[in-house]
Protein backbone atom coordinates (compact mmCIF):
# COMPACT_ATOMS: atom_id res chain seq x y z
CA MET A 1 -3.01 172.94 -370.66
CA SER A 2 -2.78 175.99 -372.30
CA GLU A 3 -2.83 179.79 -370.15
CA LYS A 4 -5.89 181.08 -371.51
CA GLU A 5 -7.42 177.67 -370.74
CA ASP A 6 -6.49 177.59 -367.12
CA GLN A 7 -7.70 181.43 -367.09
CA TYR A 8 -10.94 180.31 -368.33
CA TRP A 9 -11.58 177.78 -365.48
CA ASN A 10 -9.89 180.08 -363.26
CA GLU A 11 -12.85 182.37 -364.30
CA ILE A 12 -15.47 180.04 -363.62
CA ASP A 13 -14.43 179.11 -360.43
CA ASP A 14 -14.05 183.18 -359.41
CA TYR A 15 -17.50 183.24 -360.64
CA LEU A 16 -18.94 180.08 -358.65
CA ASP A 17 -16.84 181.04 -355.30
CA GLY A 18 -18.31 184.83 -355.45
CA SER A 19 -15.10 185.89 -355.39
CA LEU A 20 -15.59 188.38 -358.74
CA ASP A 21 -16.39 192.33 -358.36
CA GLN A 22 -19.89 193.55 -358.45
CA GLN A 23 -18.48 194.87 -362.58
CA ALA A 24 -16.75 191.48 -363.56
CA HIS A 25 -19.55 189.39 -362.06
CA LYS A 26 -21.99 191.31 -364.06
CA ALA A 27 -19.97 190.85 -367.33
CA PHE A 28 -19.72 187.10 -366.18
CA ARG A 29 -23.98 186.85 -366.12
CA GLN A 30 -24.10 188.44 -369.40
CA ARG A 31 -21.40 185.94 -371.20
CA LEU A 32 -23.21 183.11 -369.48
CA SER A 33 -26.60 184.44 -371.65
CA GLU A 34 -24.78 184.40 -375.16
CA GLU A 35 -21.50 181.17 -374.90
CA ASN A 36 -23.35 178.19 -374.49
CA LYS A 37 -20.16 176.54 -374.05
CA LEU A 38 -19.68 179.16 -371.07
CA ALA A 39 -23.18 178.16 -369.53
CA LYS A 40 -22.30 173.94 -370.08
CA ASP A 41 -18.71 174.19 -368.13
CA THR A 42 -20.34 176.41 -365.56
CA LEU A 43 -23.36 174.40 -364.96
CA PHE A 44 -20.93 170.88 -364.99
CA GLN A 45 -18.82 173.17 -362.48
CA GLN A 46 -21.49 174.11 -360.29
CA GLU A 47 -22.89 170.45 -359.95
CA MET A 48 -19.79 168.71 -359.14
CA ARG A 49 -19.15 171.20 -356.37
CA GLN A 50 -22.85 169.97 -355.41
CA GLY A 51 -21.94 166.03 -354.96
CA ILE A 52 -24.99 164.48 -355.65
CA ALA A 53 -27.26 167.02 -354.95
CA PHE A 54 -29.65 166.25 -358.47
CA GLY A 55 -32.63 166.37 -356.91
CA SER A 56 -33.69 162.52 -357.01
CA GLN A 57 -32.24 159.20 -357.70
CA GLN A 58 -33.46 158.91 -361.24
CA ASN A 59 -32.01 162.26 -362.01
CA LEU A 60 -28.60 161.34 -360.55
CA ARG A 61 -28.80 157.86 -362.86
CA SER A 62 -29.00 160.52 -366.01
CA ARG A 63 -26.62 163.07 -364.87
CA LEU A 64 -24.19 161.12 -364.36
CA GLN A 65 -25.11 158.99 -367.76
CA VAL A 66 -24.48 162.02 -369.79
CA ILE A 67 -21.23 163.48 -367.61
CA HIS A 68 -19.86 159.80 -369.11
CA GLU A 69 -20.96 160.14 -372.53
CA GLU A 70 -19.64 163.68 -372.71
CA THR A 71 -16.38 162.63 -371.07
CA ILE A 72 -15.91 159.91 -373.95
CA GLU A 73 -17.33 162.45 -376.97
CA SER A 74 -14.27 164.44 -375.25
CA ASN A 75 -11.66 161.92 -375.13
CA GLN A 76 -12.26 161.37 -378.45
CA GLU A 77 -12.06 164.48 -379.96
CA ALA A 78 -9.43 166.34 -378.05
CA LYS A 79 -5.18 166.54 -378.74
CA ILE A 80 -3.46 165.21 -376.09
CA VAL A 81 -1.69 167.69 -373.75
CA PRO A 82 0.06 167.67 -371.00
CA ILE A 83 -2.34 167.45 -367.94
CA GLY A 84 -1.28 171.17 -365.47
CA ARG A 85 -1.79 171.68 -361.57
CA GLN A 86 -5.38 172.79 -362.18
CA LEU A 87 -7.01 170.46 -364.74
CA TRP A 88 -5.33 167.53 -362.39
CA LEU A 89 -7.52 169.08 -359.34
CA ARG A 90 -10.80 169.89 -361.00
CA TRP A 91 -10.63 166.27 -362.82
CA SER A 92 -9.74 164.02 -359.29
CA VAL A 93 -12.40 166.44 -357.30
CA ALA A 94 -14.76 165.15 -359.89
CA ALA A 95 -13.82 161.61 -360.37
CA GLY A 96 -14.16 161.72 -356.41
CA LEU A 97 -17.82 163.11 -356.08
CA LEU A 98 -18.46 160.75 -359.29
CA VAL A 99 -17.25 158.02 -357.28
CA GLY A 100 -19.03 158.87 -353.93
CA ALA A 101 -22.29 159.74 -356.00
CA LEU A 102 -22.25 156.11 -357.53
CA GLY A 103 -21.87 154.90 -353.43
CA ILE A 104 -24.54 156.56 -351.65
CA LEU A 105 -26.71 155.78 -354.90
CA PHE A 106 -26.05 151.93 -354.27
CA LEU A 107 -26.48 152.42 -350.61
CA LEU A 108 -30.26 153.87 -351.59
CA GLN A 109 -30.75 151.40 -353.74
CA GLN A 110 -29.81 148.74 -351.01
CA ASN A 111 -32.02 150.69 -348.03
CA PRO A 112 -35.67 150.71 -348.65
CA SER A 113 -37.61 153.51 -347.96
CA SER A 114 -40.07 152.85 -344.59
CA GLN A 115 -43.06 152.66 -347.26
CA GLU A 116 -41.55 150.47 -348.75
CA LEU A 117 -40.79 148.02 -345.89
CA PHE A 118 -43.99 148.31 -344.55
CA ALA A 119 -45.90 146.86 -348.44
CA ASP A 120 -42.98 144.04 -348.37
CA ASN A 121 -44.11 143.03 -344.93
CA TYR A 122 -47.89 143.90 -344.66
CA GLU A 123 -50.68 141.31 -344.71
CA VAL A 124 -53.88 141.61 -343.43
CA TYR A 125 -54.44 139.48 -340.36
CA SER A 126 -56.28 136.24 -341.23
CA LEU A 127 -59.34 135.93 -338.95
CA ASP A 128 -59.94 132.21 -338.34
CA PRO A 129 -62.95 130.97 -340.39
CA THR A 130 -63.73 128.55 -337.55
CA SER A 131 -65.17 131.45 -335.31
CA ARG A 132 -68.35 131.92 -338.02
CA SER A 133 -70.97 130.19 -336.60
CA GLY A 134 -74.45 129.91 -335.29
CA GLY A 135 -76.18 130.95 -338.69
CA GLU A 136 -76.30 134.05 -341.19
CA GLU A 137 -77.47 136.31 -338.47
CA ASN A 138 -74.85 135.83 -336.09
CA PRO A 139 -73.14 138.92 -335.35
CA ALA A 140 -70.08 137.23 -335.65
CA ALA A 141 -70.67 135.53 -338.66
CA MET A 142 -71.64 138.78 -340.52
CA ALA A 143 -68.69 140.53 -339.06
CA LEU A 144 -66.44 137.85 -340.35
CA GLU A 145 -68.24 138.07 -343.49
CA ALA A 146 -67.40 141.46 -344.30
CA TYR A 147 -63.73 141.20 -342.92
CA GLN A 148 -62.91 138.55 -345.29
CA GLN A 149 -65.29 140.56 -348.45
CA GLN A 150 -62.72 143.29 -347.67
CA ASP A 151 -66.34 145.69 -346.29
CA TYR A 152 -64.04 146.72 -343.59
CA THR A 153 -67.21 149.41 -343.03
CA ALA A 154 -69.28 146.94 -342.25
CA ALA A 155 -66.90 145.10 -340.73
CA ILE A 156 -66.03 147.65 -338.26
CA LYS A 157 -69.62 148.48 -337.26
CA GLU A 158 -70.12 144.44 -337.05
CA PHE A 159 -66.96 144.21 -334.93
CA ASP A 160 -67.53 146.85 -332.47
CA HIS A 161 -70.91 145.73 -332.06
CA ILE A 162 -69.75 142.70 -330.30
CA LEU A 163 -66.59 143.70 -328.84
CA GLN A 164 -69.04 146.20 -326.94
CA ASN A 165 -70.80 143.16 -325.31
CA GLU A 166 -67.89 141.20 -324.69
CA PRO A 167 -64.71 142.74 -325.03
CA GLU A 168 -62.68 139.91 -323.97
CA GLN A 169 -62.29 138.59 -327.79
CA PRO A 170 -58.55 139.24 -328.32
CA THR A 171 -59.34 137.72 -332.03
CA LEU A 172 -62.03 140.67 -333.09
CA GLN A 173 -60.10 143.45 -331.68
CA LEU A 174 -56.95 142.78 -333.50
CA ALA A 175 -59.16 142.02 -336.58
CA LEU A 176 -61.00 145.81 -335.93
CA ALA A 177 -57.33 147.14 -335.63
CA ILE A 178 -56.98 145.85 -339.22
CA SER A 179 -60.29 146.68 -340.51
CA TYR A 180 -59.45 150.41 -339.18
CA TRP A 181 -56.45 150.44 -341.08
CA GLU A 182 -57.64 149.34 -344.36
CA ASN A 183 -60.47 151.60 -344.28
CA GLY A 184 -58.26 154.96 -343.87
CA GLN A 185 -59.14 155.60 -340.25
CA THR A 186 -55.00 155.03 -338.96
CA GLU A 187 -56.06 156.96 -335.92
CA GLN A 188 -58.45 154.46 -334.44
CA ALA A 189 -56.17 151.24 -335.59
CA LYS A 190 -53.34 152.64 -333.67
CA SER A 191 -55.59 152.80 -330.63
CA ALA A 192 -57.36 149.81 -331.46
CA ILE A 193 -53.80 147.55 -331.42
CA LYS A 194 -52.39 149.00 -328.66
CA THR A 195 -54.86 147.45 -326.31
CA LEU A 196 -53.97 143.99 -327.32
CA PHE A 197 -50.11 144.77 -326.00
CA ASN A 198 -50.59 143.03 -322.55
CA HIS A 199 -52.27 140.46 -323.65
CA PRO A 200 -50.17 137.28 -322.81
CA ILE A 201 -51.61 135.58 -326.34
CA LEU A 202 -51.41 138.27 -328.88
CA LYS A 203 -49.22 141.02 -327.99
CA ASP A 204 -46.71 139.64 -330.05
CA GLN A 205 -48.79 140.09 -333.06
CA ALA A 206 -50.27 143.49 -331.55
CA PHE A 207 -46.41 144.90 -331.87
CA TRP A 208 -45.87 143.71 -334.92
CA TYR A 209 -48.50 145.51 -336.59
CA ALA A 210 -47.54 148.58 -334.79
CA ALA A 211 -44.37 148.23 -336.09
CA LEU A 212 -45.95 148.24 -339.44
CA PHE A 213 -48.12 151.22 -339.08
CA ALA A 214 -45.17 153.52 -337.75
CA LEU A 215 -43.18 152.35 -341.11
CA ALA A 216 -46.48 153.47 -342.87
CA GLU A 217 -46.61 156.28 -341.56
CA ASP A 218 -42.17 156.94 -341.56
CA ASN A 219 -41.86 156.53 -338.21
CA PRO A 220 -38.89 154.05 -338.36
CA GLU A 221 -37.38 154.92 -334.99
CA ALA A 222 -40.88 153.48 -333.41
CA ALA A 223 -41.19 150.60 -335.49
CA VAL A 224 -37.70 149.54 -334.00
CA GLU A 225 -39.13 150.18 -330.42
CA TYR A 226 -42.13 147.53 -331.04
CA LEU A 227 -40.43 145.20 -332.99
CA GLU A 228 -37.58 144.94 -329.96
CA LYS A 229 -40.84 144.23 -327.43
CA ILE A 230 -41.76 140.87 -329.82
CA PRO A 231 -39.69 137.73 -327.96
CA THR A 232 -37.22 135.20 -329.10
CA ASP A 233 -39.65 132.89 -328.40
CA SER A 234 -42.80 133.76 -331.28
CA GLY A 235 -41.60 131.60 -333.85
CA GLN A 236 -41.47 132.89 -337.46
CA LEU A 237 -42.81 136.21 -336.22
CA HIS A 238 -39.83 136.92 -334.14
CA THR A 239 -37.82 135.65 -337.99
CA LYS A 240 -39.65 138.40 -339.13
CA ALA A 241 -39.28 140.81 -337.03
CA ALA A 242 -35.28 140.26 -336.43
CA LYS A 243 -35.18 140.33 -340.46
CA LEU A 244 -37.00 143.64 -340.50
CA LEU A 245 -34.53 145.20 -337.19
CA ASP A 246 -31.75 144.38 -339.12
CA THR A 247 -33.00 145.88 -342.24
CA LEU A 248 -33.92 149.33 -339.87
CA GLN A 249 -30.70 149.10 -337.87
């Protein structure tokens, strides 16, 4: 690298470091508006310093691809010259940052978001159809029909009416919590599910749904706490909880 080239890159570094005096800084800014190559090289150097701060995964992929193509094009057109200390240092840092960027991009792809984990694991609670009895006008039958038809507003009304008169129906309480959630009434859903935390049979299902609700609201710490409450003798539910815990921890 020639002395002129070394000075060129050093001036870019000085500008980015903020070490130019006021007059030199103003002159450099003027050149940036007039010299396309200087503006492009300065932006490139700035992005290398910022590492992977490109805004999003898609932007990161696009920028890495552009840098890769520009490097190939530059290598094809450039003459073979001795590598000076500054050039070697600059490209060593750039290469390290690119490797780091690719590594973190890989990790981002391997670690789904809380909302993605919710979507992968959430299913509407299946209410036992045998609870539908006593004819079409039976409140339980009407509630079940509304629930299965995904008419959650009507289901909430019917479940709430039944539970006011017969509070000891945990499966309907769980279905009420899910109906609230599906209806967008998230706070009511969380309150309804908590009433089952001490139930001897349905508490594990309640902890599972509470964990999923927490993930949907981007609260993985709370999700982990709920999942850890699901005991090992819960069969398939514990297997699902353990797998989700592994992803979160």
